[in-house]
C-alpha atoms as a PDB file:
ATOM      1  CA  MET A   1      15.916 -48.582  10.798  1.00  0.00           C
ATOM      2  CA  SER A   2      13.563 -49.558  13.597  1.00  0.00           C
ATOM      3  CA  ARG A   3      12.949 -52.349  16.040  1.00  0.00           C
ATOM      4  CA  THR A   4       9.930 -53.266  18.100  1.00  0.00           C
ATOM      5  CA  SER A   5      11.625 -54.398  21.295  1.00  0.00           C
ATOM      6  CA  THR A   6      14.689 -53.845  23.441  1.00  0.00           C
ATOM      7  CA  ALA A   7      16.841 -55.888  25.771  1.00  0.00           C
ATOM      8  CA  SER A   8      14.619 -55.051  28.722  1.00  0.00           C
ATOM      9  CA  SER A   9      14.514 -57.271  31.813  1.00  0.00           C
ATOM     10  CA  SER A  10      12.897 -55.317  34.616  1.00  0.00           C
ATOM     11  CA  ARG A  11      12.445 -58.367  36.837  1.00  0.00           C
ATOM     12  CA  ARG A  12      16.133 -59.217  36.643  1.00  0.00           C
ATOM     13  CA  SER A  13      17.367 -55.686  37.167  1.00  0.00           C
ATOM     14  CA  ALA A  14      14.917 -55.072  40.007  1.00  0.00           C
ATOM     15  CA  ALA A  15      16.262 -58.116  41.815  1.00  0.00           C
ATOM     16  CA  GLU A  16      19.862 -57.038  41.306  1.00  0.00           C
ATOM     17  CA  GLY A  17      19.115 -53.481  42.416  1.00  0.00           C
ATOM     18  CA  ALA A  18      16.806 -54.178  45.336  1.00  0.00           C
ATOM     19  CA  ASP A  19      18.522 -51.495  47.425  1.00  0.00           C
ATOM     20  CA  VAL A  20      17.455 -48.716  45.014  1.00  0.00           C
ATOM     21  CA  PRO A  21      14.755 -46.594  46.702  1.00  0.00           C
ATOM     22  CA  ARG A  22      11.214 -47.113  45.478  1.00  0.00           C
ATOM     23  CA  VAL A  23       9.639 -44.206  43.608  1.00  0.00           C
ATOM     24  CA  PRO A  24       6.015 -43.407  42.706  1.00  0.00           C
ATOM     25  CA  GLU A  25       4.977 -45.491  39.710  1.00  0.00           C
ATOM     26  CA  ARG A  26       1.207 -45.991  39.757  1.00  0.00           C
ATOM     27  CA  PRO A  27      -0.929 -43.090  38.481  1.00  0.00           C
ATOM     28  CA  ASP A  28      -2.545 -42.617  41.912  1.00  0.00           C
ATOM     29  CA  GLU A  29       0.876 -42.502  43.590  1.00  0.00           C
ATOM     30  CA  ILE A  30       2.101 -39.970  41.048  1.00  0.00           C
ATOM     31  CA  ARG A  31      -0.943 -37.753  41.518  1.00  0.00           C
ATOM     32  CA  GLU A  32      -0.604 -37.890  45.303  1.00  0.00           C
ATOM     33  CA  THR A  33       3.124 -37.156  45.259  1.00  0.00           C
ATOM     34  CA  LEU A  34       2.735 -34.266  42.840  1.00  0.00           C
ATOM     35  CA  ALA A  35      -0.041 -32.824  45.006  1.00  0.00           C
ATOM     36  CA  GLU A  36       2.178 -33.082  48.094  1.00  0.00           C
ATOM     37  CA  LEU A  37       4.973 -31.294  46.239  1.00  0.00           C
ATOM     38  CA  GLY A  38       2.618 -28.651  44.862  1.00  0.00           C
ATOM     39  CA  VAL A  39       3.498 -29.570  41.265  1.00  0.00           C
ATOM     40  CA  ARG A  40       0.969 -29.483  38.458  1.00  0.00           C
ATOM     41  CA  PRO A  41       2.008 -31.099  35.134  1.00  0.00           C
ATOM     42  CA  SER A  42       2.551 -28.390  32.543  1.00  0.00           C
ATOM     43  CA  LYS A  43       0.239 -28.569  29.518  1.00  0.00           C
ATOM     44  CA  GLU A  44       2.441 -25.964  27.846  1.00  0.00           C
ATOM     45  CA  TRP A  45       5.425 -28.317  27.963  1.00  0.00           C
ATOM     46  CA  GLY A  46       3.375 -31.415  27.173  1.00  0.00           C
ATOM     47  CA  GLN A  47       4.583 -32.832  30.481  1.00  0.00           C
ATOM     48  CA  SER A  48       3.612 -36.360  31.560  1.00  0.00           C
ATOM     49  CA  PHE A  49       5.232 -38.716  34.075  1.00  0.00           C
ATOM     50  CA  LEU A  50       6.221 -42.266  33.162  1.00  0.00           C
ATOM     51  CA  THR A  51       4.332 -44.911  35.155  1.00  0.00           C
ATOM     52  CA  ASP A  52       5.696 -48.097  33.572  1.00  0.00           C
ATOM     53  CA  PRO A  53       8.972 -49.382  35.100  1.00  0.00           C
ATOM     54  CA  PHE A  54       9.341 -51.885  32.251  1.00  0.00           C
ATOM     55  CA  VAL A  55       9.525 -48.998  29.764  1.00  0.00           C
ATOM     56  CA  ALA A  56      12.077 -47.262  31.992  1.00  0.00           C
ATOM     57  CA  ASP A  57      14.188 -50.418  32.108  1.00  0.00           C
ATOM     58  CA  ALA A  58      13.981 -50.782  28.321  1.00  0.00           C
ATOM     59  CA  GLU A  59      15.395 -47.264  28.007  1.00  0.00           C
ATOM     60  CA  ALA A  60      18.112 -47.899  30.596  1.00  0.00           C
ATOM     61  CA  ALA A  61      19.187 -51.042  28.744  1.00  0.00           C
ATOM     62  CA  LEU A  62      19.907 -48.940  25.657  1.00  0.00           C
ATOM     63  CA  VAL A  63      22.549 -46.843  27.432  1.00  0.00           C
ATOM     64  CA  GLU A  64      24.917 -49.781  26.890  1.00  0.00           C
ATOM     65  CA  LEU A  65      27.718 -48.469  29.083  1.00  0.00           C
ATOM     66  CA  PRO A  66      29.555 -50.280  31.881  1.00  0.00           C
ATOM     67  CA  PRO A  67      29.567 -48.806  35.406  1.00  0.00           C
ATOM     68  CA  GLY A  68      31.956 -45.912  35.874  1.00  0.00           C
ATOM     69  CA  ARG A  69      31.048 -44.054  32.679  1.00  0.00           C
ATOM     70  CA  PRO A  70      29.340 -40.668  33.231  1.00  0.00           C
ATOM     71  CA  VAL A  71      25.691 -40.465  32.187  1.00  0.00           C
ATOM     72  CA  VAL A  72      23.250 -37.539  32.238  1.00  0.00           C
ATOM     73  CA  GLU A  73      19.484 -37.847  32.565  1.00  0.00           C
ATOM     74  CA  VAL A  74      17.408 -34.943  31.275  1.00  0.00           C
ATOM     75  CA  GLY A  75      14.187 -34.305  33.184  1.00  0.00           C
ATOM     76  CA  GLY A  76      14.312 -36.561  36.233  1.00  0.00           C
ATOM     77  CA  GLY A  77      10.681 -36.007  37.204  1.00  0.00           C
ATOM     78  CA  LEU A  78       9.724 -38.383  40.012  1.00  0.00           C
ATOM     79  CA  GLY A  79      12.618 -40.754  39.387  1.00  0.00           C
ATOM     80  CA  VAL A  80      11.157 -43.758  37.554  1.00  0.00           C
ATOM     81  CA  LEU A  81      13.894 -43.680  34.915  1.00  0.00           C
ATOM     82  CA  THR A  82      16.512 -42.643  37.490  1.00  0.00           C
ATOM     83  CA  ALA A  83      15.724 -45.742  39.543  1.00  0.00           C
ATOM     84  CA  ALA A  84      15.954 -47.961  36.456  1.00  0.00           C
ATOM     85  CA  LEU A  85      19.394 -46.546  35.630  1.00  0.00           C
ATOM     86  CA  LEU A  86      20.646 -47.101  39.165  1.00  0.00           C
ATOM     87  CA  ARG A  87      19.306 -50.670  39.235  1.00  0.00           C
ATOM     88  CA  ARG A  88      21.504 -51.384  36.233  1.00  0.00           C
ATOM     89  CA  GLY A  89      24.551 -49.858  37.929  1.00  0.00           C
ATOM     90  CA  ILE A  90      24.734 -47.017  35.408  1.00  0.00           C
ATOM     91  CA  GLY A  91      26.668 -43.965  36.500  1.00  0.00           C
ATOM     92  CA  PRO A  92      28.025 -41.734  37.872  1.00  0.00           C
ATOM     93  CA  LEU A  93      24.629 -40.222  37.113  1.00  0.00           C
ATOM     94  CA  THR A  94      23.783 -36.518  36.852  1.00  0.00           C
ATOM     95  CA  VAL A  95      20.099 -35.568  36.626  1.00  0.00           C
ATOM     96  CA  ILE A  96      18.986 -32.240  35.134  1.00  0.00           C
ATOM     97  CA  GLU A  97      15.599 -31.099  36.430  1.00  0.00           C
ATOM     98  CA  ARG A  98      14.165 -27.627  35.853  1.00  0.00           C
ATOM     99  CA  ASP A  99      11.503 -27.756  38.615  1.00  0.00           C
ATOM    100  CA  ARG A 100      13.183 -27.100  41.958  1.00  0.00           C
ATOM    101  CA  ARG A 101      10.513 -29.045  43.868  1.00  0.00           C
ATOM    102  CA  LEU A 102      11.092 -32.152  41.761  1.00  0.00           C
ATOM    103  CA  ALA A 103      14.857 -31.673  42.028  1.00  0.00           C
ATOM    104  CA  GLU A 104      14.593 -31.589  45.816  1.00  0.00           C
ATOM    105  CA  PHE A 105      12.424 -34.724  45.741  1.00  0.00           C
ATOM    106  CA  LEU A 106      15.057 -36.544  43.656  1.00  0.00           C
ATOM    107  CA  SER A 107      17.860 -35.452  45.973  1.00  0.00           C
ATOM    108  CA  ALA A 108      15.904 -36.572  49.041  1.00  0.00           C
ATOM    109  CA  THR A 109      14.991 -39.913  47.438  1.00  0.00           C
ATOM    110  CA  PHE A 110      18.339 -40.946  45.966  1.00  0.00           C
ATOM    111  CA  GLY A 111      20.772 -38.996  48.142  1.00  0.00           C
ATOM    112  CA  GLN A 112      24.427 -39.355  47.173  1.00  0.00           C
ATOM    113  CA  ARG A 113      23.678 -41.859  44.440  1.00  0.00           C
ATOM    114  CA  ILE A 114      23.040 -39.034  41.980  1.00  0.00           C
ATOM    115  CA  ARG A 115      24.043 -35.442  41.353  1.00  0.00           C
ATOM    116  CA  VAL A 116      21.109 -33.131  40.672  1.00  0.00           C
ATOM    117  CA  VAL A 117      21.429 -29.989  38.540  1.00  0.00           C
ATOM    118  CA  VAL A 118      18.515 -27.563  38.824  1.00  0.00           C
ATOM    119  CA  GLY A 119      17.907 -25.787  35.545  1.00  0.00           C
ATOM    120  CA  ASP A 120      16.564 -25.821  32.009  1.00  0.00           C
ATOM    121  CA  ALA A 121      18.229 -28.423  29.775  1.00  0.00           C
ATOM    122  CA  LEU A 122      18.296 -25.800  27.011  1.00  0.00           C
ATOM    123  CA  GLU A 123      20.277 -23.361  29.128  1.00  0.00           C
ATOM    124  CA  VAL A 124      22.422 -25.063  31.795  1.00  0.00           C
ATOM    125  CA  PRO A 125      25.979 -26.077  30.898  1.00  0.00           C
ATOM    126  CA  LEU A 126      25.824 -29.712  29.829  1.00  0.00           C
ATOM    127  CA  PRO A 127      27.889 -31.970  32.103  1.00  0.00           C
ATOM    128  CA  SER A 128      30.435 -34.149  30.370  1.00  0.00           C
ATOM    129  CA  ALA A 129      28.836 -37.511  29.617  1.00  0.00           C
ATOM    130  CA  GLU A 130      29.264 -40.555  27.412  1.00  0.00           C
ATOM    131  CA  ALA A 131      25.489 -40.889  27.157  1.00  0.00           C
ATOM    132  CA  VAL A 132      22.453 -38.704  27.769  1.00  0.00           C
ATOM    133  CA  ILE A 133      19.017 -40.199  28.370  1.00  0.00           C
ATOM    134  CA  GLY A 134      15.634 -38.627  28.919  1.00  0.00           C
ATOM    135  CA  ASN A 135      11.851 -38.805  28.722  1.00  0.00           C
ATOM    136  CA  LEU A 136      11.491 -35.430  27.037  1.00  0.00           C
ATOM    137  CA  PRO A 137       8.451 -33.124  27.307  1.00  0.00           C
ATOM    138  CA  TYR A 138       6.716 -33.102  23.951  1.00  0.00           C
ATOM    139  CA  SER A 139       6.960 -29.364  23.335  1.00  0.00           C
ATOM    140  CA  MET A 140      10.660 -29.235  24.274  1.00  0.00           C
ATOM    141  CA  ALA A 141      11.926 -32.476  22.763  1.00  0.00           C
ATOM    142  CA  THR A 142      13.210 -31.225  19.417  1.00  0.00           C
ATOM    143  CA  PRO A 143      15.311 -28.268  20.659  1.00  0.00           C
ATOM    144  CA  ILE A 144      16.745 -30.396  23.487  1.00  0.00           C
ATOM    145  CA  LEU A 145      17.738 -33.146  21.068  1.00  0.00           C
ATOM    146  CA  ILE A 146      19.294 -30.671  18.640  1.00  0.00           C
ATOM    147  CA  ARG A 147      21.318 -29.176  21.484  1.00  0.00           C
ATOM    148  CA  LEU A 148      22.576 -32.629  22.466  1.00  0.00           C
ATOM    149  CA  PHE A 149      23.476 -33.443  18.846  1.00  0.00           C
ATOM    150  CA  GLU A 150      25.333 -30.138  18.472  1.00  0.00           C
ATOM    151  CA  ALA A 151      27.251 -30.905  21.675  1.00  0.00           C
ATOM    152  CA  ARG A 152      28.432 -34.131  19.946  1.00  0.00           C
ATOM    153  CA  THR A 153      26.977 -36.322  22.688  1.00  0.00           C
ATOM    154  CA  PRO A 154      28.276 -39.829  21.893  1.00  0.00           C
ATOM    155  CA  ARG A 155      24.949 -41.553  22.620  1.00  0.00           C
ATOM    156  CA  VAL A 156      21.477 -40.103  23.207  1.00  0.00           C
ATOM    157  CA  VAL A 157      18.637 -42.358  24.384  1.00  0.00           C
ATOM    158  CA  PHE A 158      15.282 -40.634  24.138  1.00  0.00           C
ATOM    159  CA  LEU A 159      11.575 -41.206  24.649  1.00  0.00           C
ATOM    160  CA  VAL A 160       9.599 -38.616  22.698  1.00  0.00           C
ATOM    161  CA  GLN A 161       6.367 -38.159  20.818  1.00  0.00           C
ATOM    162  CA  ARG A 162       6.158 -40.855  18.151  1.00  0.00           C
ATOM    163  CA  GLU A 163       5.862 -38.332  15.317  1.00  0.00           C
ATOM    164  CA  VAL A 164       9.084 -36.592  16.376  1.00  0.00           C
ATOM    165  CA  ALA A 165      10.939 -39.906  16.690  1.00  0.00           C
ATOM    166  CA  GLU A 166       9.843 -40.977  13.225  1.00  0.00           C
ATOM    167  CA  ARG A 167      10.830 -37.618  11.734  1.00  0.00           C
ATOM    168  CA  LEU A 168      14.309 -38.071  13.201  1.00  0.00           C
ATOM    169  CA  ALA A 169      14.705 -41.499  11.606  1.00  0.00           C
ATOM    170  CA  ALA A 170      12.856 -40.880   8.320  1.00  0.00           C
ATOM    171  CA  GLY A 171      14.522 -41.522   4.980  1.00  0.00           C
ATOM    172  CA  PRO A 172      14.066 -39.946   1.535  1.00  0.00           C
ATOM    173  CA  GLY A 173      10.589 -40.280   0.072  1.00  0.00           C
ATOM    174  CA  SER A 174       8.897 -40.552   3.454  1.00  0.00           C
ATOM    175  CA  LYS A 175       6.241 -38.054   4.491  1.00  0.00           C
ATOM    176  CA  ARG A 176       8.193 -37.579   7.740  1.00  0.00           C
ATOM    177  CA  TYR A 177      11.495 -36.834   5.971  1.00  0.00           C
ATOM    178  CA  GLY A 178      12.717 -33.263   6.234  1.00  0.00           C
ATOM    179  CA  ARG A 179      15.124 -30.869   7.907  1.00  0.00           C
ATOM    180  CA  LEU A 180      15.049 -32.678  11.260  1.00  0.00           C
ATOM    181  CA  SER A 181      15.858 -36.012   9.597  1.00  0.00           C
ATOM    182  CA  ILE A 182      18.826 -34.483   7.776  1.00  0.00           C
ATOM    183  CA  LEU A 183      20.149 -32.682  10.862  1.00  0.00           C
ATOM    184  CA  ALA A 184      20.022 -35.945  12.814  1.00  0.00           C
ATOM    185  CA  ARG A 185      22.038 -37.621  10.051  1.00  0.00           C
ATOM    186  CA  LEU A 186      24.452 -34.697   9.928  1.00  0.00           C
ATOM    187  CA  TYR A 187      25.548 -35.541  13.461  1.00  0.00           C
ATOM    188  CA  GLY A 188      25.126 -39.309  13.400  1.00  0.00           C
ATOM    189  CA  SER A 189      22.559 -42.070  13.034  1.00  0.00           C
ATOM    190  CA  VAL A 190      19.148 -42.811  14.562  1.00  0.00           C
ATOM    191  CA  GLU A 191      17.595 -46.161  15.429  1.00  0.00           C
ATOM    192  CA  LEU A 192      14.046 -46.493  16.717  1.00  0.00           C
ATOM    193  CA  PHE A 193      12.748 -49.089  19.141  1.00  0.00           C
ATOM    194  CA  ARG A 194       9.442 -49.835  20.818  1.00  0.00           C
ATOM    195  CA  THR A 195       6.329 -47.680  20.672  1.00  0.00           C
ATOM    196  CA  VAL A 196       4.900 -46.665  24.055  1.00  0.00           C
ATOM    197  CA  GLY A 197       1.172 -46.064  24.445  1.00  0.00           C
ATOM    198  CA  PRO A 198      -0.532 -43.284  26.430  1.00  0.00           C
ATOM    199  CA  ALA A 199      -1.380 -45.694  29.269  1.00  0.00           C
ATOM    200  CA  ALA A 200       2.294 -45.684  30.304  1.00  0.00           C
ATOM    201  CA  PHE A 201       2.058 -42.052  31.450  1.00  0.00           C
ATOM    202  CA  SER A 202       0.229 -39.887  33.940  1.00  0.00           C
ATOM    203  CA  PRO A 203      -1.495 -37.721  32.917  1.00  0.00           C
ATOM    204  CA  ARG A 204      -2.174 -39.646  29.731  1.00  0.00           C
ATOM    205  CA  PRO A 205      -1.013 -37.845  26.591  1.00  0.00           C
ATOM    206  CA  GLU A 206      -3.188 -37.867  23.494  1.00  0.00           C
ATOM    207  CA  VAL A 207      -0.471 -39.396  21.307  1.00  0.00           C
ATOM    208  CA  GLU A 208       1.899 -42.346  21.321  1.00  0.00           C
ATOM    209  CA  SER A 209       5.578 -42.105  22.190  1.00  0.00           C
ATOM    210  CA  ARG A 210       8.597 -43.982  20.921  1.00  0.00           C
ATOM    211  CA  ILE A 211      12.027 -44.909  22.223  1.00  0.00           C
ATOM    212  CA  GLY A 212      15.040 -44.147  20.058  1.00  0.00           C
ATOM    213  CA  VAL A 213      18.832 -43.860  20.099  1.00  0.00           C
ATOM    214  CA  HIS A 214      21.073 -41.358  18.317  1.00  0.00           C
ATOM    215  CA  VAL A 215      24.754 -42.259  17.977  1.00  0.00           C
ATOM    216  CA  ASP A 216      27.232 -39.511  17.082  1.00  0.00           C
ATOM    217  CA  ARG A 217      29.209 -40.070  13.882  1.00  0.00           C
ATOM    218  CA  GLY A 218      32.541 -39.139  15.474  1.00  0.00           C
ATOM    219  CA  GLY A 219      35.172 -37.095  13.687  1.00  0.00           C
ATOM    220  CA  PRO A 220      34.515 -33.960  11.619  1.00  0.00           C
ATOM    221  CA  LEU A 221      31.079 -33.143  10.266  1.00  0.00           C
ATOM    222  CA  PRO A 222      30.492 -33.578   6.505  1.00  0.00           C
ATOM    223  CA  VAL A 223      29.688 -29.868   5.957  1.00  0.00           C
ATOM    224  CA  PRO A 224      32.054 -26.884   6.271  1.00  0.00           C
ATOM    225  CA  SER A 225      29.594 -24.613   8.128  1.00  0.00           C
ATOM    226  CA  VAL A 226      26.613 -25.822  10.157  1.00  0.00           C
ATOM    227  CA  PRO A 227      24.843 -22.399  10.269  1.00  0.00           C
ATOM    228  CA  ARG A 228      25.130 -22.061   6.497  1.00  0.00           C
ATOM    229  CA  PHE A 229      23.950 -25.660   6.060  1.00  0.00           C
ATOM    230  CA  GLU A 230      20.900 -25.025   8.259  1.00  0.00           C
ATOM    231  CA  GLU A 231      20.138 -21.914   6.208  1.00  0.00           C
ATOM    232  CA  VAL A 232      20.284 -23.933   2.984  1.00  0.00           C
ATOM    233  CA  LEU A 233      17.966 -26.608   4.404  1.00  0.00           C
ATOM    234  CA  HIS A 234      15.506 -23.957   5.535  1.00  0.00           C
ATOM    235  CA  GLN A 235      15.411 -22.409   2.073  1.00  0.00           C
ATOM    236  CA  LEU A 236      14.963 -25.715   0.278  1.00  0.00           C
ATOM    237  CA  PHE A 237      12.419 -27.330   2.608  1.00  0.00           C
ATOM    238  CA  SER A 238      10.261 -24.268   3.284  1.00  0.00           C
ATOM    239  CA  SER A 239       8.543 -25.035  -0.041  1.00  0.00           C
ATOM    240  CA  ARG A 240       9.107 -28.768  -0.123  1.00  0.00           C
ATOM    241  CA  ARG A 241       6.527 -29.456  -2.836  1.00  0.00           C
ATOM    242  CA  LYS A 242       8.352 -27.270  -5.356  1.00  0.00           C
ATOM    243  CA  GLN A 243      10.922 -28.739  -7.703  1.00  0.00           C
ATOM    244  CA  LEU A 244      14.587 -28.124  -7.000  1.00  0.00           C
ATOM    245  CA  SER A 245      15.042 -26.158 -10.227  1.00  0.00           C
ATOM    246  CA  ASN A 246      12.812 -23.489  -8.662  1.00  0.00           C
ATOM    247  CA  LEU A 247      14.347 -23.743  -5.194  1.00  0.00           C
ATOM    248  CA  LEU A 248      18.079 -23.867  -5.804  1.00  0.00           C
ATOM    249  CA  PRO A 249      18.365 -20.219  -6.966  1.00  0.00           C
ATOM    250  CA  ARG A 250      17.424 -19.269  -3.397  1.00  0.00           C
ATOM    251  CA  VAL A 251      20.711 -20.664  -2.073  1.00  0.00           C
ATOM    252  CA  VAL A 252      23.061 -20.030  -5.026  1.00  0.00           C
ATOM    253  CA  ARG A 253      24.418 -16.499  -5.116  1.00  0.00           C
ATOM    254  CA  ASN A 254      24.772 -16.641  -8.898  1.00  0.00           C
ATOM    255  CA  PRO A 255      21.813 -18.628 -10.295  1.00  0.00           C
ATOM    256  CA  ALA A 256      23.690 -19.127 -13.563  1.00  0.00           C
ATOM    257  CA  SER A 257      26.201 -21.298 -11.685  1.00  0.00           C
ATOM    258  CA  ALA A 258      23.564 -23.655 -10.265  1.00  0.00           C
ATOM    259  CA  GLU A 259      24.202 -26.394 -12.827  1.00  0.00           C
ATOM    260  CA  ALA A 260      27.957 -26.353 -12.212  1.00  0.00           C
ATOM    261  CA  ILE A 261      27.446 -26.508  -8.445  1.00  0.00           C
ATOM    262  CA  VAL A 262      25.120 -29.501  -8.531  1.00  0.00           C
ATOM    263  CA  ARG A 263      27.548 -31.279 -10.871  1.00  0.00           C
ATOM    264  CA  ARG A 264      30.291 -30.749  -8.281  1.00  0.00           C
ATOM    265  CA  ALA A 265      27.897 -32.080  -5.663  1.00  0.00           C
ATOM    266  CA  GLY A 266      27.274 -35.208  -7.732  1.00  0.00           C
ATOM    267  CA  TRP A 267      23.525 -34.745  -7.961  1.00  0.00           C
ATOM    268  CA  PRO A 268      21.562 -36.858 -10.495  1.00  0.00           C
ATOM    269  CA  ASP A 269      21.046 -35.446 -13.983  1.00  0.00           C
ATOM    270  CA  ASP A 270      17.312 -35.017 -13.420  1.00  0.00           C
ATOM    271  CA  TRP A 271      17.790 -33.049 -10.186  1.00  0.00           C
ATOM    272  CA  GLY A 272      15.791 -30.092 -11.473  1.00  0.00           C
ATOM    273  CA  HIS A 273      12.610 -32.173 -11.663  1.00  0.00           C
ATOM    274  CA  ARG A 274      12.998 -33.617  -8.187  1.00  0.00           C
ATOM    275  CA  ARG A 275      11.728 -32.312  -4.872  1.00  0.00           C
ATOM    276  CA  PRO A 276      13.917 -31.878  -1.759  1.00  0.00           C
ATOM    277  CA  GLU A 277      12.301 -34.828   0.000  1.00  0.00           C
ATOM    278  CA  GLU A 278      13.539 -37.174  -2.764  1.00  0.00           C
ATOM    279  CA  LEU A 279      17.264 -36.642  -2.126  1.00  0.00           C
ATOM    280  CA  PRO A 280      19.238 -38.391   0.656  1.00  0.00           C
ATOM    281  CA  PRO A 281      21.064 -36.447   3.384  1.00  0.00           C
ATOM    282  CA  GLU A 282      24.405 -37.088   1.684  1.00  0.00           C
ATOM    283  CA  ALA A 283      23.240 -35.092  -1.356  1.00  0.00           C
ATOM    284  CA  PHE A 284      22.661 -32.043   0.826  1.00  0.00           C
ATOM    285  CA  PHE A 285      26.030 -32.506   2.560  1.00  0.00           C
ATOM    286  CA  ALA A 286      27.677 -32.563  -0.876  1.00  0.00           C
ATOM    287  CA  LEU A 287      25.735 -29.454  -1.930  1.00  0.00           C
ATOM    288  CA  ALA A 288      26.996 -27.596   1.154  1.00  0.00           C
ATOM    289  CA  ARG A 289      30.585 -28.477   0.282  1.00  0.00           C
ATOM    290  CA  ALA A 290      30.088 -27.439  -3.337  1.00  0.00           C
ATOM    291  CA  LEU A 291      28.560 -24.108  -2.310  1.00  0.00           C
ATOM    292  CA  SER A 292      31.522 -23.376  -0.056  1.00  0.00           C
ATOM    293  CA  GLY A 293      34.129 -24.196  -2.652  1.00  0.00           C
END
């Protein structure tokens, strides 16, 4: 499911949060500040800095938590999103930033309003939070999101490359549908919001971005073993154009029992002629339970 807008109101929130320090927003300000800090955007990470405060406020609005609930921001950068969160009274706010120079800039700019953790979001212990939000570097977005899903983060608000966002939310039959879509559904549900063009960033990326929200399902997961489930998905989707009758023997220890297993999983009678991308996530959850039992 997707939407094209959010409950953004930058003018209102800016007025309410007038005491929040101003941060670099225009491309020339960002370039100058980065030069002063000795920071060069990493092409390897696909790193760009948000320049549009209206986009930042649209993201902040999707946190949907009252003041007093802990929130984590991944990749604080120069603080455009941090400022938007503070204007809305969101926090206590912890910001994870891997570049020490940017972390020091955030600490100097916002002082005691935030807690800054210096480190890689894939490696540092994740602070306890009811929501995590971040403008994620393109090359790092997927593993960061998977880590947050695995940590059972109640709510994740993200701005990522449009292709990645649409893979997360894709349904059966879509060209984008695959392992990432099913893993996102394993842990919860995804809803997509507005598309953000390259002009909202500095330096400008070559692709569009999109805002989305993942909400954890709560309670136990619908598969008995996540590592085994991921292994099954890898086997089935590594040759996604093949029919399932040719793929299922890869994951069934005794190929002769394949028909009995898919019956237990409740798969359709014509499953053998279908391709993995035609079945919904629930069919793969049921297969994992049938394989374990």
